[in-house]
Amino acid sequence: MFSHIMIGSNDIDRSKKFYDALFAALGAGPGIHDPNGRLIYDHNGGRFLITRPINGEPATPANGGTIGIAVKNQAQADAWHAAGVANGGTAIEAPPGVRKASFGDIYLAYLRDPDGNKLCALHVLAQ
């Protein structure tokens, strides 16, 4: 449905440290810088990009927005969450764990990145 996700950052080097650790927990390689200074991650057919806002204004997180990251299992969600907290992220919402959804049980872990963007690791449990 989407081709990529791009978020803004006020500190690309800080974001690289955070997202390199976060995505390494999912088996992805480190981000690369393109000629325009954007940071790019490619993994499992998805592309995640980080940039300084083109308009020169400060980067701000989306109010009400959440970026969902698919994970293979609960252990991977926990590793992702721990890597994020250890590298400048903030644990938010309830601790990682099972939640009830309309379609069955899911395992969720929430973080805010160093710029305040809300992230969620999600694993759908066997129904």
C-alpha atoms as a PDB file:
ATOM      1  CA  MET A   1       0.000   0.000   0.000  1.00  0.00           C
ATOM      2  CA  PHE A   2       2.867   2.417   0.635  1.00  0.00           C
ATOM      3  CA  SER A   3       6.230   2.824  -1.031  1.00  0.00           C
ATOM      4  CA  HIS A   4       8.146   4.185   1.962  1.00  0.00           C
ATOM      5  CA  ILE A   5       7.945   5.991   5.271  1.00  0.00           C
ATOM      6  CA  MET A   6       9.923   9.196   5.817  1.00  0.00           C
ATOM      7  CA  ILE A   7      10.221  11.065   9.083  1.00  0.00           C
ATOM      8  CA  GLY A   8      11.994  14.263  10.017  1.00  0.00           C
ATOM      9  CA  SER A   9      14.879  14.590  12.422  1.00  0.00           C
ATOM     10  CA  ASN A  10      16.726  17.509  13.953  1.00  0.00           C
ATOM     11  CA  ASP A  11      19.885  15.404  14.396  1.00  0.00           C
ATOM     12  CA  ILE A  12      20.601  12.805  11.692  1.00  0.00           C
ATOM     13  CA  ASP A  13      23.642  11.361  13.529  1.00  0.00           C
ATOM     14  CA  ARG A  14      21.581  10.830  16.704  1.00  0.00           C
ATOM     15  CA  SER A  15      18.842   9.229  14.612  1.00  0.00           C
ATOM     16  CA  LYS A  16      21.367   6.919  12.929  1.00  0.00           C
ATOM     17  CA  LYS A  17      22.585   5.628  16.296  1.00  0.00           C
ATOM     18  CA  PHE A  18      19.002   5.009  17.446  1.00  0.00           C
ATOM     19  CA  TYR A  19      17.642   3.446  14.247  1.00  0.00           C
ATOM     20  CA  ASP A  20      20.775   1.372  13.505  1.00  0.00           C
ATOM     21  CA  ALA A  21      20.291  -0.308  16.908  1.00  0.00           C
ATOM     22  CA  LEU A  22      16.512  -0.550  16.531  1.00  0.00           C
ATOM     23  CA  PHE A  23      16.598  -2.160  13.094  1.00  0.00           C
ATOM     24  CA  ALA A  24      19.615  -4.374  13.937  1.00  0.00           C
ATOM     25  CA  ALA A  25      17.320  -6.056  16.500  1.00  0.00           C
ATOM     26  CA  LEU A  26      15.167  -7.056  13.483  1.00  0.00           C
ATOM     27  CA  GLY A  27      18.104  -8.298  11.402  1.00  0.00           C
ATOM     28  CA  ALA A  28      18.506  -5.197   9.213  1.00  0.00           C
ATOM     29  CA  GLY A  29      21.781  -3.542   8.300  1.00  0.00           C
ATOM     30  CA  PRO A  30      22.791  -0.012   9.258  1.00  0.00           C
ATOM     31  CA  GLY A  31      21.313   2.984   7.477  1.00  0.00           C
ATOM     32  CA  ILE A  32      23.142   4.643   4.612  1.00  0.00           C
ATOM     33  CA  HIS A  33      23.364   8.351   3.822  1.00  0.00           C
ATOM     34  CA  ASP A  34      22.283   9.429   0.356  1.00  0.00           C
ATOM     35  CA  PRO A  35      23.797  12.445  -1.464  1.00  0.00           C
ATOM     36  CA  ASN A  36      21.037  14.682  -0.046  1.00  0.00           C
ATOM     37  CA  GLY A  37      21.929  13.813   3.560  1.00  0.00           C
ATOM     38  CA  ARG A  38      18.938  11.558   4.122  1.00  0.00           C
ATOM     39  CA  LEU A  39      19.357   8.348   6.082  1.00  0.00           C
ATOM     40  CA  ILE A  40      17.921   5.261   4.347  1.00  0.00           C
ATOM     41  CA  TYR A  41      17.077   1.787   5.679  1.00  0.00           C
ATOM     42  CA  ASP A  42      16.020  -1.080   3.387  1.00  0.00           C
ATOM     43  CA  HIS A  43      14.779  -4.343   4.886  1.00  0.00           C
ATOM     44  CA  ASN A  44      12.331  -7.052   3.789  1.00  0.00           C
ATOM     45  CA  GLY A  45      11.024  -4.923   0.934  1.00  0.00           C
ATOM     46  CA  GLY A  46      10.354  -1.872   3.110  1.00  0.00           C
ATOM     47  CA  ARG A  47      12.113   1.471   2.987  1.00  0.00           C
ATOM     48  CA  PHE A  48      12.374   3.835   5.961  1.00  0.00           C
ATOM     49  CA  LEU A  49      13.962   7.258   5.470  1.00  0.00           C
ATOM     50  CA  ILE A  50      14.979  10.040   7.837  1.00  0.00           C
ATOM     51  CA  THR A  51      15.621  13.604   6.697  1.00  0.00           C
ATOM     52  CA  ARG A  52      16.002  17.133   7.926  1.00  0.00           C
ATOM     53  CA  PRO A  53      12.811  18.948   6.894  1.00  0.00           C
ATOM     54  CA  ILE A  54      13.221  20.419   3.421  1.00  0.00           C
ATOM     55  CA  ASN A  55      11.486  23.645   4.468  1.00  0.00           C
ATOM     56  CA  GLY A  56      14.237  24.376   7.027  1.00  0.00           C
ATOM     57  CA  GLU A  57      11.805  24.324   9.956  1.00  0.00           C
ATOM     58  CA  PRO A  58      12.416  22.050  12.986  1.00  0.00           C
ATOM     59  CA  ALA A  59      11.269  18.438  12.691  1.00  0.00           C
ATOM     60  CA  THR A  60       8.251  17.621  14.853  1.00  0.00           C
ATOM     61  CA  PRO A  61       6.434  14.299  15.398  1.00  0.00           C
ATOM     62  CA  ALA A  62       2.989  13.676  13.955  1.00  0.00           C
ATOM     63  CA  ASN A  63       0.305  14.327  16.552  1.00  0.00           C
ATOM     64  CA  GLY A  64      -1.738  11.112  16.719  1.00  0.00           C
ATOM     65  CA  GLY A  65       0.561   9.298  14.298  1.00  0.00           C
ATOM     66  CA  THR A  66       2.171   5.926  14.938  1.00  0.00           C
ATOM     67  CA  ILE A  67       4.610   4.035  12.723  1.00  0.00           C
ATOM     68  CA  GLY A  68       4.046   0.281  13.037  1.00  0.00           C
ATOM     69  CA  ILE A  69       6.966  -2.120  12.602  1.00  0.00           C
ATOM     70  CA  ALA A  70       6.160  -5.797  11.941  1.00  0.00           C
ATOM     71  CA  VAL A  71       8.198  -8.231  14.029  1.00  0.00           C
ATOM     72  CA  LYS A  72       8.484 -12.043  13.872  1.00  0.00           C
ATOM     73  CA  ASN A  73       7.744 -12.844  17.511  1.00  0.00           C
ATOM     74  CA  GLN A  74       7.543 -11.532  21.068  1.00  0.00           C
ATOM     75  CA  ALA A  75      11.273 -11.954  21.666  1.00  0.00           C
ATOM     76  CA  GLN A  76      12.071  -9.796  18.635  1.00  0.00           C
ATOM     77  CA  ALA A  77       9.639  -7.114  19.843  1.00  0.00           C
ATOM     78  CA  ASP A  78      11.343  -7.136  23.251  1.00  0.00           C
ATOM     79  CA  ALA A  79      14.828  -6.914  21.680  1.00  0.00           C
ATOM     80  CA  TRP A  80      13.632  -4.045  19.443  1.00  0.00           C
ATOM     81  CA  HIS A  81      12.200  -2.206  22.462  1.00  0.00           C
ATOM     82  CA  ALA A  82      15.333  -2.728  24.568  1.00  0.00           C
ATOM     83  CA  ALA A  83      17.595  -1.557  21.718  1.00  0.00           C
ATOM     84  CA  GLY A  84      15.509   1.573  21.321  1.00  0.00           C
ATOM     85  CA  VAL A  85      15.560   2.464  25.029  1.00  0.00           C
ATOM     86  CA  ALA A  86      19.316   1.796  25.224  1.00  0.00           C
ATOM     87  CA  ASN A  87      19.954   4.149  22.297  1.00  0.00           C
ATOM     88  CA  GLY A  88      18.031   7.277  23.180  1.00  0.00           C
ATOM     89  CA  GLY A  89      14.412   6.208  22.799  1.00  0.00           C
ATOM     90  CA  THR A  90      11.715   6.482  25.442  1.00  0.00           C
ATOM     91  CA  ALA A  91       9.413   3.645  26.492  1.00  0.00           C
ATOM     92  CA  ILE A  92       5.782   4.797  26.304  1.00  0.00           C
ATOM     93  CA  GLU A  93       2.284   3.403  26.750  1.00  0.00           C
ATOM     94  CA  ALA A  94       2.072   0.164  28.756  1.00  0.00           C
ATOM     95  CA  PRO A  95       5.146  -2.106  28.914  1.00  0.00           C
ATOM     96  CA  PRO A  96       5.575  -4.508  25.965  1.00  0.00           C
ATOM     97  CA  GLY A  97       2.940  -7.212  26.161  1.00  0.00           C
ATOM     98  CA  VAL A  98      -0.185  -8.908  24.859  1.00  0.00           C
ATOM     99  CA  ARG A  99      -3.205  -6.763  23.995  1.00  0.00           C
ATOM    100  CA  LYS A 100      -6.680  -7.750  22.844  1.00  0.00           C
ATOM    101  CA  ALA A 101      -7.647  -6.594  19.341  1.00  0.00           C
ATOM    102  CA  SER A 102     -10.852  -7.046  17.359  1.00  0.00           C
ATOM    103  CA  PHE A 103      -9.110  -9.694  15.254  1.00  0.00           C
ATOM    104  CA  GLY A 104      -7.382 -11.555  18.125  1.00  0.00           C
ATOM    105  CA  ASP A 105      -4.416 -11.164  20.439  1.00  0.00           C
ATOM    106  CA  ILE A 106      -1.410  -9.071  19.473  1.00  0.00           C
ATOM    107  CA  TYR A 107       1.929  -8.356  21.128  1.00  0.00           C
ATOM    108  CA  LEU A 108       2.880  -4.659  21.157  1.00  0.00           C
ATOM    109  CA  ALA A 109       5.897  -2.616  22.237  1.00  0.00           C
ATOM    110  CA  TYR A 110       5.834   1.200  22.020  1.00  0.00           C
ATOM    111  CA  LEU A 111       8.672   3.750  21.858  1.00  0.00           C
ATOM    112  CA  ARG A 112       9.276   7.361  20.996  1.00  0.00           C
ATOM    113  CA  ASP A 113      12.444   8.000  19.012  1.00  0.00           C
ATOM    114  CA  PRO A 114      14.822  10.817  20.061  1.00  0.00           C
ATOM    115  CA  ASP A 115      12.803  13.307  17.946  1.00  0.00           C
ATOM    116  CA  GLY A 116       9.492  12.234  19.503  1.00  0.00           C
ATOM    117  CA  ASN A 117       8.087  10.040  16.706  1.00  0.00           C
ATOM    118  CA  LYS A 118       5.838   7.272  18.044  1.00  0.00           C
ATOM    119  CA  LEU A 119       6.848   3.740  17.005  1.00  0.00           C
ATOM    120  CA  CYS A 120       5.178   0.406  17.664  1.00  0.00           C
ATOM    121  CA  ALA A 121       6.515  -3.130  17.184  1.00  0.00           C
ATOM    122  CA  LEU A 122       3.616  -5.486  16.466  1.00  0.00           C
ATOM    123  CA  HIS A 123       3.375  -9.267  16.349  1.00  0.00           C
ATOM    124  CA  VAL A 124       0.049 -10.999  15.672  1.00  0.00           C
ATOM    125  CA  LEU A 125      -0.238 -14.047  17.934  1.00  0.00           C
ATOM    126  CA  ALA A 126      -1.486 -17.373  16.565  1.00  0.00           C
ATOM    127  CA  GLN A 127      -5.271 -17.417  16.569  1.00  0.00           C
END
